[in-house]
Protein backbone atom coordinates (compact mmCIF):
# COMPACT_ATOMS: atom_id res chain seq x y z
CA MET A 1 75.07 72.75 136.00
CA PRO A 2 76.44 75.73 133.98
CA GLU A 3 80.06 75.36 133.04
CA PRO A 4 82.78 77.12 135.17
CA GLU A 5 83.74 80.39 133.66
CA LYS A 6 87.45 80.05 132.27
CA SER A 7 90.57 81.19 133.88
CA TRP A 8 91.73 82.58 130.52
CA GLY A 9 90.47 84.88 127.76
CA LEU A 10 91.76 86.47 124.56
CA LYS A 11 90.31 88.89 122.01
CA PHE A 12 91.32 90.75 118.91
CA ASN A 13 90.94 94.72 118.41
CA PRO A 14 91.39 95.56 114.64
CA SER A 15 91.10 99.22 115.98
CA PRO A 16 91.32 100.81 119.20
CA SER A 17 87.87 100.85 120.84
CA TYR A 18 88.15 103.60 123.92
CA GLU A 19 84.89 103.90 125.90
CA ARG A 20 83.61 106.57 128.01
CA LEU A 21 83.57 104.83 131.50
CA LYS A 22 82.79 106.32 135.09
CA ARG A 23 84.56 105.62 138.13
CA ASP A 24 84.68 102.20 139.34
CA GLN A 25 83.41 101.32 135.51
CA ARG A 26 84.68 98.66 133.34
CA PRO A 27 84.60 97.97 129.97
CA GLN A 28 81.87 95.59 129.08
CA GLY A 29 83.22 91.76 129.03
CA SER A 30 86.03 92.71 130.68
CA PRO A 31 86.90 90.64 133.93
CA GLU A 32 85.78 92.23 137.18
CA TRP A 33 89.52 92.83 138.40
CA LEU A 34 90.86 94.91 135.97
CA ASN A 35 92.88 97.87 137.56
CA PRO A 36 93.10 101.11 135.51
CA HIS A 37 96.08 100.65 133.07
CA GLN A 38 94.65 97.03 132.43
CA ILE A 39 91.32 98.87 131.21
CA SER A 40 93.68 101.21 129.20
CA LEU A 41 95.33 97.92 127.22
CA TRP A 42 92.08 96.20 126.92
CA GLN A 43 90.65 98.93 124.63
CA GLU A 44 94.15 99.24 122.75
CA GLN A 45 94.75 97.95 119.33
CA GLY A 46 95.91 94.22 118.91
CA LEU A 47 95.84 90.88 120.43
CA VAL A 48 94.91 91.18 124.47
CA VAL A 49 95.10 88.02 126.78
CA TRP A 50 94.95 87.70 130.22
CA ASN A 51 94.85 85.23 133.06
CA SER A 52 92.23 85.67 135.82
CA THR A 53 93.81 83.33 138.09
CA GLU A 54 97.28 85.73 138.13
CA LYS A 55 95.11 88.60 137.49
CA ARG A 56 97.34 89.50 134.57
CA LEU A 57 96.24 91.32 131.21
CA GLU A 58 98.86 92.08 128.35
CA ARG A 59 98.25 93.57 124.88
CA LEU A 60 100.68 92.15 121.79
CA SER A 61 101.51 94.58 119.18
CA GLY A 62 101.02 93.47 115.57
CA ARG A 63 104.64 92.45 115.16
CA GLU A 64 104.36 90.56 119.01
CA ALA A 65 101.19 88.83 117.55
CA LEU A 66 102.74 87.14 114.31
CA ASP A 67 105.53 86.36 116.20
CA LEU A 68 103.47 84.37 118.83
CA LEU A 69 101.65 82.63 115.88
CA GLU A 70 105.25 81.46 114.04
CA LYS A 71 106.12 80.08 117.53
CA LEU A 72 102.68 78.28 117.82
CA VAL A 73 103.02 76.77 114.46
CA SER A 74 106.98 75.91 114.89
CA LYS A 75 107.15 74.56 118.45
CA ASP A 76 104.72 72.14 119.76
CA SER A 77 106.20 72.32 123.57
CA TRP A 78 103.04 74.57 124.55
CA LYS A 79 100.85 71.49 124.11
CA ALA A 80 102.48 70.03 126.81
CA ASP A 81 103.19 73.17 129.22
CA GLY A 82 100.94 75.91 128.29
CA ILE A 83 101.79 78.90 126.61
CA SER A 84 104.19 81.11 127.68
CA ILE A 85 104.24 84.89 126.06
CA THR A 86 107.39 86.45 126.45
CA ARG A 87 108.54 89.99 125.50
CA GLN A 88 112.13 91.05 124.93
CA VAL A 89 113.51 93.53 127.66
CA HIS A 90 116.82 95.01 128.25
CA ARG A 91 118.29 94.57 131.95
CA ILE A 92 120.44 97.11 133.27
CA GLN A 93 122.91 95.93 135.98
CA ILE A 94 124.00 99.05 138.18
CA PRO A 95 126.38 97.99 141.20
CA VAL A 96 125.87 99.68 144.03
CA PRO A 97 129.29 100.35 146.08
CA SER A 98 129.58 99.58 149.65
CA ARG A 99 128.81 102.36 152.16
CA GLY A 100 130.67 100.94 155.14
CA ARG A 101 134.78 101.49 155.34
CA ARG A 102 136.87 98.29 153.45
CA LYS A 103 138.94 96.16 156.11
CA LYS A 104 142.23 96.01 156.01
CA THR A 105 142.11 91.89 155.18
CA GLU A 106 139.51 92.56 152.69
CA PRO A 107 140.83 92.70 148.60
CA GLU A 108 139.93 95.71 146.89
CA ALA A 109 137.19 95.69 144.06
CA THR A 110 138.39 95.03 140.59
CA ALA A 111 137.75 97.83 138.21
CA GLY A 112 135.32 95.62 135.92
CA ALA A 113 132.94 95.37 139.24
CA SER A 114 131.95 98.73 139.22
CA GLU A 115 130.61 98.64 135.52
CA THR A 116 127.47 98.93 134.70
CA LYS A 117 126.01 95.84 132.92
CA THR A 118 123.44 95.52 130.31
CA GLU A 119 121.87 92.77 128.42
CA ARG A 120 118.99 91.67 126.12
CA ALA A 121 116.38 88.89 127.25
CA TYR A 122 113.01 87.41 126.87
CA GLU A 123 110.78 87.83 129.87
CA GLU A 124 107.46 85.73 130.41
CA ILE A 125 104.95 88.84 130.80
CA ILE A 126 102.04 86.20 130.69
CA HIS A 127 101.05 82.29 130.94
CA LEU A 128 98.21 80.53 129.09
CA PRO A 129 97.40 76.89 129.82
CA LEU A 130 97.17 74.40 126.90
CA GLU A 131 93.98 74.75 126.58
CA ALA A 132 94.14 78.21 125.51
CA GLY A 133 96.33 76.95 122.28
CA SER A 134 93.66 75.92 119.54
CA GLU A 135 91.63 79.38 120.10
CA LEU A 136 94.41 81.14 120.24
CA LEU A 137 96.11 79.62 117.01
CA ASP A 138 92.67 79.97 115.31
CA LEU A 139 92.23 83.90 115.88
CA LEU A 140 95.89 84.31 115.08
CA GLN A 141 95.41 82.44 111.79
CA GLN A 142 92.17 84.49 110.90
CA ASN A 143 93.80 87.68 111.66
CA THR A 144 97.13 87.31 109.93
CA GLN A 145 96.34 89.94 106.99
CA ARG A 146 95.21 92.58 109.88
CA LEU A 147 98.04 91.76 111.97
CA THR A 148 100.62 91.94 108.85
CA LYS A 149 99.13 95.36 108.05
CA MET A 150 99.19 96.58 112.02
CA ALA A 151 102.93 95.50 112.10
CA GLU A 152 103.92 97.53 108.77
CA GLN A 153 101.91 100.78 110.38
CA GLU A 154 103.77 99.94 113.73
CA LYS A 155 107.29 99.82 112.01
CA LYS A 156 106.41 102.98 109.90
CA ARG A 157 105.85 104.78 113.16
CA ARG A 158 108.85 103.57 114.69
CA ASP A 159 110.97 104.66 112.14
CA GLU A 160 109.34 108.09 111.55
CA ALA A 161 109.85 108.49 115.70
CA PHE A 162 113.44 107.70 115.14
CA ARG A 163 113.69 110.15 112.05
CA GLN A 164 112.11 112.85 114.14
CA VAL A 165 114.81 112.05 117.07
CA PHE A 166 117.30 111.98 115.04
CA ASP A 167 116.78 115.15 112.98
CA LEU A 168 116.51 116.83 116.88
CA LEU A 169 119.20 115.86 117.53
CA PHE A 170 121.23 116.99 114.60
CA LYS A 171 119.42 120.23 114.54
CA SER A 172 120.44 120.65 118.53
CA HIS A 173 123.70 120.00 117.38
CA ARG A 174 123.74 122.75 114.48
CA GLU A 175 122.01 125.44 116.39
CA LYS A 176 124.78 124.56 119.57
CA GLU A 177 127.65 124.98 116.79
CA GLU A 178 126.13 128.17 114.94
CA THR A 179 125.90 129.40 118.46
CA GLY A 180 129.55 129.12 119.67
CA PHE A 181 130.65 130.09 115.50
CA ASN A 182 132.54 133.72 115.73
CA PHE A 183 131.52 134.88 112.53
CA LYS A 184 132.93 138.36 113.61
CA ALA A 185 136.30 137.07 114.07
CA ARG A 186 136.17 135.99 110.09
CA ALA A 187 138.32 137.90 107.33
CA PHE A 188 134.97 138.41 105.33
CA GLU A 189 131.88 139.94 106.76
CA TRP A 190 129.30 137.49 107.23
CA GLU A 191 125.34 138.51 107.44
CA CYS A 192 122.72 136.02 108.97
CA ARG A 193 119.58 135.72 106.82
CA SER A 194 117.84 133.63 109.16
CA GLU A 195 118.48 130.57 111.89
CA GLY A 196 121.04 128.48 110.09
CA HIS A 197 121.32 130.36 107.21
CA TRP A 198 124.57 132.98 107.07
CA ILE A 199 125.80 134.47 103.67
CA SER A 200 128.90 136.91 103.00
CA HIS A 201 129.74 139.06 99.43
CA HIS A 202 133.65 139.22 97.93
CA GLN A 203 133.42 141.43 94.73
CA GLN A 204 130.20 139.97 93.24
CA VAL A 205 130.53 136.96 94.16
CA GLU A 206 127.89 135.16 96.69
CA GLY A 207 128.72 132.92 99.76
CA SER A 208 126.63 131.01 101.92
CA VAL A 209 126.33 128.39 104.75
CA GLN A 210 123.22 126.92 105.95
CA SER A 211 121.94 123.87 107.68
CA ASP A 212 118.24 123.81 106.64
CA LYS A 213 118.48 121.64 103.65
CA SER A 214 120.21 118.47 105.40
CA PRO A 215 119.90 117.61 109.17
CA ILE A 216 123.09 116.27 109.01
CA PHE A 217 125.68 118.75 106.73
CA TRP A 218 126.55 122.53 106.23
CA SER A 219 125.75 123.51 102.51
CA ALA A 220 128.13 125.62 101.15
CA GLN A 221 127.54 127.82 97.58
CA ALA A 222 130.23 130.25 95.83
CA GLN A 223 128.69 131.75 93.04
CA TYR A 224 128.50 134.90 90.76
CA ARG A 225 125.29 136.47 91.62
CA GLY A 226 122.38 135.10 89.03
CA SER A 227 124.89 132.50 87.82
CA VAL A 228 125.85 128.41 88.41
CA GLY A 229 128.66 128.41 91.31
CA LYS A 230 130.14 125.71 93.28
CA PHE A 231 128.27 123.50 96.06
CA ASN A 232 129.58 121.33 98.57
CA HIS A 233 128.38 119.65 102.41
CA PHE A 234 130.62 119.53 105.05
CA VAL A 235 130.12 118.22 108.66
CA ASP A 236 131.76 120.96 110.52
CA LEU A 237 130.73 124.06 110.21
CA GLN A 238 134.35 125.75 110.58
CA GLN A 239 135.29 123.53 107.15
CA ALA A 240 132.41 125.25 105.35
CA VAL A 241 132.96 128.59 106.11
CA ASP A 242 136.90 127.70 105.21
CA TRP A 243 136.25 126.39 102.05
CA VAL A 244 132.91 129.12 100.83
CA GLU A 245 135.72 132.00 101.87
CA LYS A 246 138.28 130.18 99.73
CA GLU A 247 136.29 129.45 96.71
CA MET A 248 134.73 133.17 96.55
CA VAL A 249 138.47 134.73 96.44
CA ASP A 250 138.96 132.05 93.66
CA LEU A 251 136.01 132.87 91.84
CA ALA A 252 136.48 136.68 92.09
CA SER A 253 139.89 136.40 90.09
CA GLN A 254 138.40 134.72 87.51
CA PRO A 255 136.09 136.67 84.75
CA PRO A 256 132.79 136.37 85.40
CA PRO A 257 130.48 133.50 83.21
CA GLU A 258 128.05 134.65 80.58
CA PRO A 259 124.49 134.45 82.55
CA GLU A 260 122.80 131.54 81.11
CA PRO A 261 119.49 131.06 79.67
CA TYR A 262 116.80 129.81 81.19
CA CYS A 263 116.04 127.13 78.54
CA LEU A 264 117.88 125.40 76.21
CA PRO A 265 117.93 126.31 72.31
CA ASP A 266 115.32 124.46 70.47
CA ASP A 267 118.10 122.30 68.23
CA GLN A 268 119.87 120.92 71.51
CA TRP A 269 116.50 120.37 73.38
CA GLU A 270 115.72 118.09 70.54
CA ALA A 271 119.16 116.37 70.37
CA ALA A 272 118.76 115.54 74.02
CA ARG A 273 115.44 114.11 73.86
CA VAL A 274 116.88 112.01 70.97
CA ARG A 275 119.47 110.69 73.16
CA LEU A 276 117.11 110.36 76.16
CA ARG A 277 114.71 108.36 74.10
CA GLN A 278 117.21 105.46 74.29
CA GLN A 279 116.39 104.83 77.64
CA LEU A 280 112.31 104.11 76.98
CA ILE A 281 110.79 102.08 78.66
CA SER A 282 108.01 100.22 76.75
CA ASP A 283 104.48 99.79 79.11
CA PRO A 284 101.50 98.52 78.57
CA PHE A 285 98.37 100.80 78.15
CA TRP A 286 94.80 99.95 77.50
CA ILE A 287 91.84 102.73 76.40
CA GLU A 288 88.03 102.44 77.27
CA THR A 289 86.27 102.39 74.15
CA ALA A 290 82.52 103.08 75.76
CA ALA A 291 84.41 106.77 76.01
CA LEU A 292 83.74 107.86 72.81
CA GLU A 293 80.15 107.47 73.04
CA GLN A 294 80.09 109.40 76.20
CA ALA A 295 82.26 112.54 75.21
CA GLN A 296 80.11 112.60 72.21
CA LYS A 297 76.63 112.22 74.30
CA ILE A 298 78.29 115.17 77.18
CA TRP A 299 79.06 117.39 73.64
CA ASN A 300 75.39 116.78 72.18
CA GLN A 301 73.91 118.17 75.22
CA SER A 302 75.58 121.02 75.93
CA THR A 303 75.66 124.50 74.75
CA ILE A 304 79.00 124.96 73.38
CA LEU A 305 78.22 125.63 69.81
CA ARG A 306 75.68 127.89 70.17
CA GLN A 307 78.19 130.00 72.62
CA PHE A 308 80.58 129.80 69.72
CA LYS A 309 78.04 130.85 67.15
CA ASP A 310 77.15 133.59 69.34
CA LYS A 311 81.20 134.74 69.76
CA LYS A 312 81.01 133.98 73.39
CA ILE A 313 83.89 131.71 73.30
CA SER A 314 86.62 131.44 70.87
CA ARG A 315 87.59 127.65 70.75
CA ALA A 316 86.02 124.52 72.07
CA ARG A 317 86.95 120.86 71.87
CA TYR A 318 85.91 117.73 73.44
CA GLY A 319 86.86 114.29 73.82
CA TYR A 320 88.22 111.39 76.55
CA GLN A 321 91.01 111.03 78.01
CA GLU A 322 92.49 107.53 78.57
CA VAL A 323 92.28 106.40 82.52
CA GLU A 324 95.48 104.64 82.35
CA THR A 325 97.81 106.50 80.05
CA GLY A 326 96.41 110.10 80.67
CA PHE A 327 96.41 110.37 76.87
CA THR A 328 93.37 112.71 75.64
CA VAL A 329 91.52 111.70 72.20
CA PHE A 330 89.53 114.85 71.11
CA LEU A 331 86.52 113.82 68.52
CA GLY A 332 85.55 117.35 67.55
CA GLU A 333 86.19 120.81 67.70
CA CYS A 334 85.47 124.47 67.07
CA GLU A 335 87.64 127.56 66.53
CA ASP A 336 88.49 131.05 65.17
CA PRO A 337 91.10 131.13 62.78
CA ALA A 338 92.69 133.64 64.74
CA ASN A 339 93.09 131.65 67.69
CA PRO A 340 93.37 127.88 66.30
CA TRP A 341 94.37 124.73 68.51
CA GLY A 342 98.16 124.19 68.20
CA ARG A 343 99.05 120.53 67.05
CA MET A 344 98.57 117.52 69.08
CA SER A 345 100.44 114.76 69.70
CA THR A 346 99.91 111.19 68.11
CA ARG A 347 99.06 108.68 71.05
CA GLN A 348 102.52 107.03 70.35
CA GLU A 349 104.19 110.10 70.36
CA TYR A 350 102.58 110.87 73.86
CA LEU A 351 103.45 107.22 74.80
CA ASP A 352 106.85 107.39 73.61
CA ASP A 353 107.16 110.89 75.49
CA ARG A 354 105.33 109.54 78.74
CA ALA A 355 107.36 106.53 78.59
CA LEU A 356 110.99 108.63 78.31
CA ARG A 357 110.00 110.97 80.85
CA GLY A 358 109.33 107.51 83.71
CA SER A 359 112.59 106.18 82.06
CA ILE A 360 114.65 109.26 83.27
CA CYS A 361 112.81 109.62 86.39
CA TYR A 362 113.37 105.96 87.12
CA SER A 363 117.29 106.18 87.40
CA LEU A 364 117.15 109.75 88.94
CA ASP A 365 119.11 111.07 86.01
CA VAL A 366 119.13 114.94 87.23
CA ASN A 367 120.95 116.21 84.27
CA GLY A 368 118.65 113.68 81.58
CA PHE A 369 115.12 114.78 83.26
CA ARG A 370 116.33 118.45 83.05
CA ASP A 371 117.29 117.93 79.35
CA TYR A 372 114.08 116.17 78.67
CA LEU A 373 112.36 119.37 79.87
CA GLY A 374 114.82 121.95 77.72
CA LEU A 375 115.88 123.38 80.93
CA THR A 376 119.36 124.95 81.90
CA VAL A 377 120.59 124.60 85.99
CA ARG A 378 119.82 128.20 86.02
CA ALA A 379 115.93 127.08 85.57
CA SER A 380 115.83 124.20 87.52
CA SER A 381 118.72 123.29 90.18
CA ASP A 382 119.67 120.03 91.21
CA GLU A 383 117.73 119.80 94.48
CA ASP A 384 114.77 120.93 92.44
CA THR A 385 115.27 118.54 89.69
CA LEU A 386 115.44 115.56 91.92
CA ARG A 387 112.58 116.51 94.08
CA SER A 388 110.66 116.72 90.31
CA MET A 389 111.92 113.18 89.70
CA HIS A 390 111.20 111.96 92.93
CA GLU A 391 107.35 113.68 92.65
CA ASP A 392 106.97 111.52 89.18
CA ARG A 393 108.16 108.28 90.91
CA ALA A 394 105.42 108.54 93.79
CA ARG A 395 102.96 108.81 91.58
CA SER A 396 104.01 106.27 88.93
CA LYS A 397 101.43 103.71 87.91
CA TYR A 398 103.79 101.67 86.06
CA LEU A 399 107.41 101.60 88.19
CA PRO A 400 107.74 98.66 90.92
CA ALA A 401 106.13 99.58 94.43
CA GLU A 402 109.28 99.44 96.25
CA VAL A 403 110.48 102.31 94.44
CA ARG A 404 107.55 104.62 94.47
CA LEU A 405 108.02 103.76 98.15
CA GLU A 406 111.47 104.40 98.23
CA SER A 407 110.23 108.29 96.67
CA ARG A 408 107.80 108.57 98.81
CA VAL A 409 110.04 108.31 102.10
CA TRP A 410 112.50 110.11 100.50
CA LEU A 411 109.88 112.95 99.51
CA ALA A 412 108.61 112.76 103.49
CA GLN A 413 112.45 113.06 104.85
CA GLN A 414 112.46 116.63 102.96
CA GLU A 415 109.76 118.01 104.64
CA PRO A 416 110.45 120.08 107.81
CA ILE A 417 109.55 118.91 111.71
CA GLU A 418 106.11 120.16 112.62
CA ARG A 419 106.27 121.33 116.28
């Protein structure tokens, strides 16, 4: 005799598996009693479990499936009572006032009785018989790695959703604050450059407030045109405008500063690099020796030398680049004496420089990185310099994974929200 059909079932979807279904058609292998909502759950990513007796089907996320696995491993109660799969819910209790008139003999309702109450609780969403335990446990253990990745992706999407919600809330607040602020009533004339960006002038000093650089703060700045000025951040627009107007008056009462050059003088640049080299971090590097033969072969097979003799090109060189370090080793070259190649760094000089750069970026030393590049604040602002360091950290092969992730998150948070 054929075995009786099981009253329960489970399956794992490593990715969504949506099918084109006609009306009254159900996915292959699914129970016959599924309703449209359950058909949708059947095809979603995650662990799908069902109980045919109760005609209930649920999909568990990666995090929920991992929590269930921990529960099955750490507790034995399911071996006697079956498997109770729960989900955390928020219960809200709203009191309904009586519509009838209160009798004189009835006491008045207390203030606390009319308050809305909320609580968190775990509620059973589906129950499986104890014979499902071994199969469920095996399925979860076989897919632990996939479930872990799913849980990480779910957390990332959840965090990003929260970030966007908070950004939208802050942006809405900023827009409302800006709309209600009367710039025309100020002692200085203010001009709107764009949404959330206002500027004012007093003699040769320019002041500005803007909200696009941070979802939380108003960025305030006062400076002589073309030079470094003063910066500050405020939660309140009123405070930001007051500060800018005061700083404009203070700066205008002082002699204009000498224009700052874009780059440091050579002697200062070299002195800064010597000082920064003390932060050097040694990293392991390696070289693929087979690259020498490959580079020589490509050079021999090319027509570069012939084109150089025909004066179609003025100079050329060949070599190989190390995969791990990015250092380029040149094996040969040809050049016009009127247009020679410059001096190349040695491998040790290159590695020292890369390690120095990595050390500074690791520490997020804005002034140190600017000195390393030989630039001034006029050429590279604090914001631009900080972004460059985070970009270097995010691409690094040698910094810890958590450091690279921190910079990737920081860079993602600076991107505007697309609508």
